[in-house]
Amino acid sequence: MKKILLIEDNPDVRENTEEILSLANYNVITAPNGKIGVELAQHEKPDLIICDIMMPELDGYGVLHILSKNEETASIPFIFLTAKTEKADIRKGMTLGADDYLTKPFDDTDLLNAIEVRLRKNAMKRTNYDATSEGLENFFKDAQHALNIKDLGQGRKVKQLKKRTEVFAEGDLPLNAFFIKSGNVKTFKSNPDGKELIMNLYATNDFFGFEAILENTNYNESAVTMQDTELITIPKYDFMLMIQKHPDVSKSFISLLCKKVVDREKQLLNLAYNSVRQRTAEALLKADTLKDSKSAISISRDDLAKMVGTAAESVIRVLSDFKDEGLIETEGAKIKIVQPAKLEKVVRWNVAR
């Protein structure tokens, strides 16, 4: 049973609202003024707070301000009750961090609906969704319910793409973000003389192609499948709706995206400052994450060179050194990492012993 704290100085309103909430199967705690309300909030840790604005001694704004400074109460959903309908008062409350507001007199249904929505959104915010196609599906289902948007995510599709199929090209307008249900994708940039630099490799359960949407620009790189791949396309509208309009229900989603941004920054820094030997070791470790657990790395020397950002001949020489040092084994185009710890040491110190 969810616990709700009701802070209201008017006895009639307080008793009537308490009765409505009790009939709706909520555990209701009441406070006749703001000071008692703050004490109860800090002690009881309710699931949601409903608070009048105009109260003597400590008004609703003061209650919200105090609770928002306390780590244990800052995340509790907060709904204002007010007889004031002036935009300035509503704006002040929302600026302070209120989640919603209801104007008196309010309809019973409006009150209960507002509470249910806030509780659902708060539950989503606390949920860590798995970075899988099932987790993504659960996320959208919960978001539809929490936001009461039935068609949210209905435009997403699963596409079956063959090996070496173009997903998007440099200069294209971004219409979708992408999630890999199975398979691998590489993104790369081409310079004027036609040479390619692989920017990143993406495997199952990775998001990609969303940076251009966030930056509101065309794609500055191309994407191609490296093997038969299943992609889930997330329409730009739905993506931006979850990122900008309802960040309180997309914490896990945003965290996954931020991880990829950090990966990209790290890769570019390594490209700028690390040696060819270090970059080749790092590229091998990255490519190793794309293979099945028992198989060898299957990547062309050309693609590996594009990841490293150097000529294929240079990469071949480094691979030969790694093989002589016992770090890897090769069989034709396939590469097997024998000493991953020593390759990681190469990345860090440019030496393996």
Protein backbone atom coordinates (compact mmCIF):
# COMPACT_ATOMS: atom_id res chain seq x y z
CA MET A 1 0.00 0.00 0.00
CA LYS A 2 1.44 3.35 -1.06
CA LYS A 3 1.91 5.97 1.64
CA ILE A 4 0.77 9.55 0.94
CA LEU A 5 1.45 12.59 3.09
CA LEU A 6 -1.29 15.24 2.89
CA ILE A 7 -0.33 18.71 4.17
CA GLU A 8 -3.39 20.99 4.37
CA ASP A 9 -4.36 23.63 6.95
CA ASN A 10 -8.09 23.67 6.06
CA PRO A 11 -9.73 20.92 8.20
CA ASP A 12 -12.64 20.33 5.79
CA VAL A 13 -10.41 20.01 2.74
CA ARG A 14 -7.96 17.84 4.67
CA GLU A 15 -10.64 15.45 5.93
CA ASN A 16 -12.42 15.19 2.57
CA THR A 17 -9.18 14.57 0.67
CA GLU A 18 -8.03 12.02 3.26
CA GLU A 19 -11.32 10.14 2.85
CA ILE A 20 -10.98 10.04 -0.95
CA LEU A 21 -7.43 8.73 -0.73
CA SER A 22 -8.30 6.13 1.90
CA LEU A 23 -11.16 4.83 -0.25
CA ALA A 24 -8.64 4.53 -3.10
CA ASN A 25 -6.59 2.20 -0.86
CA TYR A 26 -3.78 4.62 0.01
CA ASN A 27 -2.19 4.83 3.46
CA VAL A 28 -2.76 8.50 4.30
CA ILE A 29 -0.81 10.59 6.82
CA THR A 30 -2.04 14.14 7.43
CA ALA A 31 -0.41 17.34 8.68
CA PRO A 32 -2.29 20.56 9.59
CA ASN A 33 0.61 22.87 8.69
CA GLY A 34 3.91 23.04 6.84
CA LYS A 35 6.20 22.59 9.84
CA ILE A 36 4.54 19.36 10.94
CA GLY A 37 4.41 18.27 7.33
CA VAL A 38 8.20 18.61 6.96
CA GLU A 39 8.76 16.60 10.15
CA LEU A 40 6.42 13.83 8.99
CA ALA A 41 8.01 13.73 5.53
CA GLN A 42 11.47 13.31 7.02
CA HIS A 43 10.31 10.66 9.47
CA GLU A 44 7.77 8.66 7.42
CA LYS A 45 9.42 8.85 3.95
CA PRO A 46 6.07 8.79 2.08
CA ASP A 47 5.77 7.65 -1.54
CA LEU A 48 4.13 10.96 -2.50
CA ILE A 49 3.34 14.34 -0.92
CA ILE A 50 0.27 16.50 -1.54
CA CYS A 51 0.71 19.99 -0.13
CA ASP A 52 -1.37 23.16 0.04
CA ILE A 53 0.46 26.35 -0.94
CA MET A 54 -1.15 29.04 1.22
CA MET A 55 -0.55 28.07 4.85
CA PRO A 56 0.50 30.08 7.94
CA GLU A 57 3.98 29.80 9.45
CA LEU A 58 5.46 27.74 6.60
CA ASP A 59 3.78 27.77 3.20
CA GLY A 60 3.94 25.08 0.53
CA TYR A 61 6.88 26.73 -1.23
CA GLY A 62 8.86 26.58 2.00
CA VAL A 63 7.96 22.93 2.54
CA LEU A 64 9.14 22.01 -0.95
CA HIS A 65 12.33 24.05 -0.58
CA ILE A 66 13.28 22.33 2.69
CA LEU A 67 12.49 18.81 1.45
CA SER A 68 14.34 19.34 -1.83
CA LYS A 69 17.54 20.09 0.12
CA ASN A 70 17.35 16.77 1.96
CA GLU A 71 18.75 13.83 0.00
CA GLU A 72 16.26 11.40 1.59
CA THR A 73 13.19 13.45 0.62
CA ALA A 74 14.29 15.28 -2.53
CA SER A 75 13.07 12.56 -4.88
CA ILE A 76 9.60 12.14 -3.36
CA PRO A 77 6.93 13.16 -5.93
CA PHE A 78 5.35 16.47 -4.85
CA ILE A 79 1.92 17.77 -5.88
CA PHE A 80 0.70 21.27 -4.94
CA LEU A 81 -2.89 22.03 -3.97
CA THR A 82 -3.81 25.65 -4.51
CA ALA A 83 -6.77 27.94 -4.91
CA LYS A 84 -4.53 30.28 -6.86
CA THR A 85 -4.59 29.90 -10.62
CA GLU A 86 -2.31 32.76 -11.59
CA LYS A 87 0.44 31.62 -13.92
CA ALA A 88 3.14 33.23 -11.76
CA ASP A 89 2.21 31.06 -8.76
CA ILE A 90 2.09 27.89 -10.83
CA ARG A 91 5.41 28.74 -12.48
CA LYS A 92 7.05 29.40 -9.12
CA GLY A 93 5.96 26.02 -7.79
CA MET A 94 7.15 24.12 -10.85
CA THR A 95 10.46 26.04 -10.85
CA LEU A 96 11.07 24.97 -7.26
CA GLY A 97 10.66 21.35 -8.35
CA ALA A 98 6.99 20.46 -7.89
CA ASP A 99 5.90 17.57 -10.10
CA ASP A 100 2.30 18.68 -10.56
CA TYR A 101 -0.41 20.94 -9.16
CA LEU A 102 -4.18 20.82 -8.67
CA THR A 103 -6.42 23.83 -8.22
CA LYS A 104 -9.21 23.86 -5.64
CA PRO A 105 -11.93 22.81 -5.92
CA PHE A 106 -10.63 19.72 -7.69
CA ASP A 107 -12.41 16.69 -9.06
CA ASP A 108 -11.84 13.37 -7.26
CA THR A 109 -10.86 11.70 -10.52
CA ASP A 110 -8.35 14.43 -11.34
CA LEU A 111 -6.74 14.00 -7.93
CA LEU A 112 -6.43 10.21 -8.22
CA ASN A 113 -5.21 10.38 -11.81
CA ALA A 114 -2.51 12.91 -10.88
CA ILE A 115 -1.34 10.67 -8.05
CA GLU A 116 -1.26 7.53 -10.20
CA VAL A 117 0.71 9.27 -12.95
CA ARG A 118 3.31 10.62 -10.54
CA LEU A 119 3.72 7.25 -8.80
CA ARG A 120 4.15 5.46 -12.14
CA LYS A 121 6.73 7.99 -13.33
CA ASN A 122 8.64 7.73 -10.08
CA ALA A 123 8.63 3.94 -10.31
CA MET A 124 10.07 4.16 -13.83
CA LYS A 125 12.76 6.57 -12.69
CA ARG A 126 13.90 4.03 -10.10
CA THR A 127 13.91 1.08 -12.51
CA ASN A 128 17.11 -0.07 -14.17
CA TYR A 129 16.16 -1.57 -17.50
CA ASP A 130 18.36 -4.24 -19.03
CA ALA A 131 20.35 -3.19 -22.08
CA THR A 132 18.60 -5.82 -24.21
CA SER A 133 15.80 -5.81 -26.77
CA GLU A 134 13.50 -7.15 -24.02
CA GLY A 135 14.58 -4.35 -21.69
CA LEU A 136 13.92 -1.77 -24.38
CA GLU A 137 10.48 -3.26 -25.00
CA ASN A 138 9.68 -3.12 -21.27
CA PHE A 139 10.88 0.48 -21.13
CA PHE A 140 8.49 1.57 -23.86
CA LYS A 141 5.59 -0.37 -22.34
CA ASP A 142 6.13 1.28 -18.97
CA ALA A 143 6.57 4.69 -20.60
CA GLN A 144 3.29 4.31 -22.50
CA HIS A 145 1.53 3.54 -19.22
CA ALA A 146 3.26 6.22 -17.16
CA LEU A 147 2.81 9.00 -19.71
CA ASN A 148 -0.57 7.81 -20.98
CA ILE A 149 0.71 7.95 -24.57
CA LYS A 150 -0.58 4.79 -26.22
CA ASP A 151 1.22 5.29 -29.52
CA LEU A 152 4.64 6.01 -27.97
CA GLY A 153 7.17 3.79 -29.70
CA GLN A 154 4.64 2.31 -32.11
CA GLY A 155 6.76 3.52 -35.01
CA ARG A 156 9.78 1.44 -34.03
CA LYS A 157 10.53 -1.50 -36.30
CA VAL A 158 12.86 -4.48 -36.45
CA LYS A 159 14.88 -4.56 -39.68
CA GLN A 160 16.73 -7.61 -40.98
CA LEU A 161 19.88 -6.42 -42.79
CA LYS A 162 22.41 -8.49 -44.69
CA LYS A 163 26.18 -8.20 -44.21
CA ARG A 164 27.70 -4.98 -45.64
CA THR A 165 24.31 -3.22 -45.84
CA GLU A 166 24.40 0.56 -45.41
CA VAL A 167 22.37 1.79 -42.42
CA PHE A 168 22.97 5.47 -43.10
CA ALA A 169 25.49 7.56 -45.02
CA GLU A 170 27.53 10.60 -44.09
CA GLY A 171 25.37 13.67 -44.78
CA ASP A 172 22.02 11.87 -44.38
CA LEU A 173 19.26 13.46 -42.31
CA PRO A 174 18.79 11.46 -39.07
CA LEU A 175 15.27 10.04 -38.88
CA ASN A 176 15.91 7.24 -36.38
CA ALA A 177 18.10 6.12 -33.53
CA PHE A 178 19.18 2.48 -33.69
CA PHE A 179 19.45 -0.44 -31.26
CA ILE A 180 21.21 -3.66 -32.27
CA LYS A 181 19.07 -6.69 -31.45
CA SER A 182 21.70 -9.00 -32.96
CA GLY A 183 24.77 -8.58 -35.14
CA ASN A 184 27.50 -5.94 -35.53
CA VAL A 185 27.72 -2.47 -37.11
CA LYS A 186 30.69 -0.24 -37.85
CA THR A 187 30.60 3.53 -38.20
CA PHE A 188 33.28 5.29 -40.20
CA LYS A 189 34.31 8.60 -41.74
CA SER A 190 35.76 9.09 -45.21
CA ASN A 191 38.35 11.73 -46.09
CA PRO A 192 38.49 13.48 -49.49
CA ASP A 193 40.85 10.89 -51.01
CA GLY A 194 38.44 8.07 -50.17
CA LYS A 195 40.28 6.58 -47.18
CA GLU A 196 38.13 5.43 -44.27
CA LEU A 197 38.59 5.75 -40.51
CA ILE A 198 36.43 3.45 -38.41
CA MET A 199 35.01 5.52 -35.56
CA ASN A 200 33.35 2.72 -33.61
CA LEU A 201 32.18 -0.87 -33.59
CA TYR A 202 28.77 -1.70 -32.16
CA ALA A 203 27.56 -5.11 -31.00
CA THR A 204 24.33 -6.67 -29.77
CA ASN A 205 22.47 -4.45 -27.24
CA ASP A 206 24.28 -1.26 -28.33
CA PHE A 207 22.60 2.02 -29.30
CA PHE A 208 24.06 4.09 -32.13
CA GLY A 209 23.18 6.88 -34.55
CA PHE A 210 21.59 9.10 -31.90
CA GLU A 211 24.28 11.79 -31.67
CA ALA A 212 23.12 13.56 -34.84
CA ILE A 213 19.57 13.64 -33.46
CA LEU A 214 20.74 15.23 -30.21
CA GLU A 215 22.91 17.74 -32.07
CA ASN A 216 20.19 18.43 -34.67
CA THR A 217 22.66 17.91 -37.53
CA ASN A 218 23.08 15.50 -40.42
CA TYR A 219 25.11 12.36 -39.89
CA ASN A 220 28.85 13.12 -39.93
CA GLU A 221 29.73 9.46 -40.42
CA SER A 222 28.43 6.38 -42.22
CA ALA A 223 27.21 3.08 -40.76
CA VAL A 224 27.41 -0.37 -42.36
CA THR A 225 26.59 -3.84 -41.01
CA MET A 226 29.57 -6.16 -40.56
CA GLN A 227 27.42 -9.31 -40.58
CA ASP A 228 23.74 -10.20 -40.88
CA THR A 229 22.13 -7.87 -38.34
CA GLU A 230 18.76 -7.16 -36.69
CA LEU A 231 18.21 -3.47 -35.94
CA ILE A 232 15.44 -1.87 -33.90
CA THR A 233 14.73 1.59 -35.30
CA ILE A 234 13.45 4.21 -32.86
CA PRO A 235 11.78 7.15 -34.64
CA LYS A 236 13.34 10.55 -33.98
CA TYR A 237 10.08 11.92 -32.52
CA ASP A 238 9.84 9.16 -29.90
CA PHE A 239 13.54 9.44 -29.10
CA MET A 240 13.35 13.19 -28.47
CA LEU A 241 10.09 12.83 -26.56
CA MET A 242 11.80 10.54 -24.06
CA ILE A 243 14.99 12.60 -23.85
CA GLN A 244 13.60 16.13 -23.63
CA LYS A 245 9.96 16.05 -22.58
CA HIS A 246 9.99 13.33 -19.93
CA PRO A 247 13.51 12.94 -18.48
CA ASP A 248 12.04 11.81 -15.15
CA VAL A 249 11.06 8.45 -16.69
CA SER A 250 14.12 7.86 -18.83
CA LYS A 251 17.03 7.75 -16.38
CA SER A 252 18.19 4.30 -17.45
CA PHE A 253 17.76 5.11 -21.13
CA ILE A 254 19.85 8.26 -20.84
CA SER A 255 22.54 6.42 -18.86
CA LEU A 256 22.98 3.91 -21.68
CA LEU A 257 23.34 6.70 -24.22
CA CYS A 258 25.81 8.62 -22.07
CA LYS A 259 28.00 5.52 -21.82
CA LYS A 260 28.41 5.49 -25.58
CA VAL A 261 29.31 9.19 -25.60
CA VAL A 262 32.05 8.48 -23.06
CA ASP A 263 33.31 5.58 -25.17
CA ARG A 264 33.49 7.83 -28.24
CA GLU A 265 35.43 10.53 -26.37
CA LYS A 266 37.91 7.97 -25.07
CA GLN A 267 38.41 6.52 -28.55
CA LEU A 268 39.15 9.91 -30.10
CA LEU A 269 41.60 10.81 -27.34
CA ASN A 270 43.43 7.51 -27.80
CA LEU A 271 43.57 8.10 -31.55
CA ALA A 272 45.20 11.46 -30.95
CA TYR A 273 47.78 10.47 -28.33
CA ASN A 274 48.44 6.72 -28.43
CA SER A 275 51.00 4.94 -30.60
CA VAL A 276 50.08 2.59 -33.48
CA ARG A 277 51.04 -0.34 -31.24
CA GLN A 278 48.73 0.85 -28.46
CA ARG A 279 45.88 1.62 -30.86
CA THR A 280 46.20 -1.78 -32.54
CA ALA A 281 46.03 -3.54 -29.17
CA GLU A 282 42.97 -1.52 -28.23
CA ALA A 283 41.31 -2.23 -31.59
CA LEU A 284 41.87 -5.96 -31.11
CA LEU A 285 40.33 -5.86 -27.64
CA LYS A 286 37.37 -3.90 -29.01
CA ALA A 287 36.88 -6.31 -31.92
CA ASP A 288 37.12 -9.22 -29.48
CA THR A 289 33.93 -8.04 -27.76
CA LEU A 290 31.98 -8.55 -31.01
CA LYS A 291 32.74 -12.24 -31.46
CA ASP A 292 31.12 -15.31 -29.95
CA SER A 293 32.81 -16.54 -26.79
CA LYS A 294 34.46 -19.55 -28.46
CA SER A 295 35.31 -18.13 -31.86
CA ALA A 296 38.27 -16.12 -33.10
CA ILE A 297 38.09 -12.49 -34.22
CA SER A 298 36.93 -12.28 -37.81
CA ILE A 299 37.87 -8.84 -39.12
CA SER A 300 39.79 -7.83 -42.22
CA ARG A 301 43.21 -6.24 -41.85
CA ASP A 302 41.80 -3.30 -43.80
CA ASP A 303 38.96 -2.76 -41.32
CA LEU A 304 41.37 -3.17 -38.42
CA ALA A 305 43.62 -0.50 -39.96
CA LYS A 306 40.62 1.81 -40.31
CA MET A 307 39.93 1.38 -36.62
CA VAL A 308 43.55 2.15 -35.76
CA GLY A 309 43.70 5.08 -38.17
CA THR A 310 46.80 4.02 -40.04
CA ALA A 311 47.90 2.06 -43.12
CA ALA A 312 47.12 -1.65 -43.34
CA GLU A 313 50.85 -2.38 -43.69
CA SER A 314 51.56 -0.79 -40.30
CA VAL A 315 48.85 -2.87 -38.62
CA ILE A 316 50.16 -6.06 -40.25
CA ARG A 317 53.63 -5.35 -38.86
CA VAL A 318 52.25 -4.78 -35.35
CA LEU A 319 50.17 -7.98 -35.57
CA SER A 320 53.32 -9.85 -36.55
CA ASP A 321 55.06 -8.45 -33.47
CA PHE A 322 52.15 -9.46 -31.24
CA LYS A 323 52.24 -12.97 -32.70
CA ASP A 324 56.00 -13.26 -32.06
CA GLU A 325 55.44 -12.11 -28.47
CA GLY A 326 52.78 -14.77 -27.96
CA LEU A 327 49.95 -12.27 -27.44
CA ILE A 328 47.87 -13.48 -30.37
CA GLU A 329 47.54 -16.38 -32.79
CA THR A 330 46.50 -16.01 -36.43
CA GLU A 331 44.97 -18.40 -38.93
CA GLY A 332 44.34 -16.75 -42.26
CA ALA A 333 42.15 -13.69 -41.65
CA LYS A 334 41.16 -14.85 -38.14
CA ILE A 335 42.87 -13.61 -35.00
CA LYS A 336 42.75 -15.25 -31.56
CA ILE A 337 43.81 -13.27 -28.50
CA VAL A 338 45.95 -15.49 -26.27
CA GLN A 339 47.08 -12.95 -23.67
CA PRO A 340 44.32 -10.31 -23.22
CA ALA A 341 45.85 -9.00 -19.99
CA LYS A 342 49.14 -8.30 -21.76
CA LEU A 343 47.32 -6.57 -24.62
CA GLU A 344 45.62 -4.36 -22.04
CA LYS A 345 49.08 -3.63 -20.66
CA VAL A 346 50.19 -2.60 -24.14
CA VAL A 347 47.33 -0.11 -24.27
CA ARG A 348 48.35 1.36 -20.92
CA TRP A 349 52.14 1.26 -21.14
CA ASN A 350 53.06 0.46 -24.74
CA VAL A 351 55.02 -2.59 -23.59
CA ALA A 352 54.18 -6.24 -22.94
CA ARG A 353 56.40 -8.57 -20.92
